[in-house]
Protein backbone atom coordinates (compact mmCIF):
# COMPACT_ATOMS: atom_id res chain seq x y z
CA UNK A 1 -3.30 16.39 -11.42
CA UNK A 2 -0.93 14.33 -9.33
CA UNK A 3 -1.46 15.59 -5.77
CA UNK A 4 1.02 14.60 -3.09
CA UNK A 5 -1.60 14.44 -0.31
CA UNK A 6 -4.92 12.65 -0.82
CA UNK A 7 -8.18 12.94 1.07
CA UNK A 8 -9.88 9.96 2.67
CA UNK A 9 -12.23 9.43 -0.28
CA UNK A 10 -9.46 9.91 -2.87
CA UNK A 11 -7.32 7.37 -1.02
CA UNK A 12 -10.07 4.75 -0.96
CA UNK A 13 -10.43 5.13 -4.73
CA UNK A 14 -6.65 5.22 -5.28
CA UNK A 15 -5.96 1.94 -3.47
CA UNK A 16 -9.21 0.32 -4.59
CA UNK A 17 -10.96 -0.34 -1.27
CA UNK A 18 -14.24 0.75 0.26
CA UNK A 19 -14.27 3.71 2.63
CA UNK A 20 -15.36 1.45 5.49
CA UNK A 21 -12.36 -0.83 4.90
CA UNK A 22 -10.02 2.17 4.72
CA UNK A 23 -11.47 3.39 8.02
CA UNK A 24 -10.70 -0.01 9.55
CA UNK A 25 -7.11 0.16 8.23
CA UNK A 26 -6.59 3.62 9.74
CA UNK A 27 -8.23 2.85 13.08
CA UNK A 28 -6.03 -0.26 13.44
CA UNK A 29 -2.99 1.81 12.37
CA UNK A 30 -2.28 -0.56 9.47
CA UNK A 31 -1.89 2.13 6.81
CA UNK A 32 0.25 5.30 6.98
CA UNK A 33 -1.86 8.43 7.41
CA UNK A 34 -1.74 11.96 8.75
CA UNK A 35 -4.20 13.77 11.00
CA UNK A 36 -2.82 17.34 11.18
CA UNK A 37 -5.81 19.07 12.78
CA UNK A 38 -7.03 16.13 14.82
CA UNK A 39 -10.05 15.33 12.64
CA UNK A 40 -9.46 15.10 8.90
CA UNK A 41 -7.29 12.26 7.60
CA UNK A 42 -4.81 12.75 4.78
CA UNK A 43 -2.61 10.25 2.99
CA UNK A 44 0.75 10.82 1.31
CA UNK A 45 0.72 9.24 -2.17
CA UNK A 46 4.40 8.16 -1.92
CA UNK A 47 3.81 6.49 1.46
CA UNK A 48 0.76 4.72 0.02
CA UNK A 49 2.81 3.42 -2.91
CA UNK A 50 5.46 2.08 -0.53
CA UNK A 51 2.76 0.51 1.65
CA UNK A 52 1.12 -1.12 -1.35
CA UNK A 53 4.42 -2.49 -2.68
CA UNK A 54 5.20 -4.18 0.66
CA UNK A 55 2.43 -6.66 -0.08
CA UNK A 56 4.15 -8.04 -3.18
CA UNK A 57 3.91 -11.79 -3.58
CA UNK A 58 6.26 -13.66 -5.85
CA UNK A 59 4.73 -15.43 -8.80
CA UNK A 60 5.26 -19.11 -9.39
CA UNK A 61 7.53 -18.16 -12.29
CA UNK A 62 9.70 -16.00 -9.95
CA UNK A 63 10.04 -18.87 -7.47
CA UNK A 64 10.98 -21.37 -10.19
CA UNK A 65 13.56 -18.98 -11.65
CA UNK A 66 15.16 -18.48 -8.21
CA UNK A 67 15.22 -22.24 -7.62
CA UNK A 68 16.90 -22.86 -10.99
CA UNK A 69 19.52 -20.19 -10.26
CA UNK A 70 20.23 -21.74 -6.85
CA UNK A 71 20.69 -25.18 -8.39
CA UNK A 72 23.07 -23.78 -11.03
CA UNK A 73 25.24 -22.24 -8.28
CA UNK A 74 25.72 -25.59 -6.54
């Protein structure tokens, strides 16, 4: 099953963090979440995927390839 909205516990498992760390992320408003009834937290899977992909770091190989392409253009 590929649910669109995840519970707090499902989200912690999905992104691979402890529940206490996820609580810290939500309380500091560092991760997108929804609180429709004022108590329970829910997370949209698509928003989580976007949030996770924002943290991408280029590999050394990516950096070298970009540098080589820049030199070729000169």
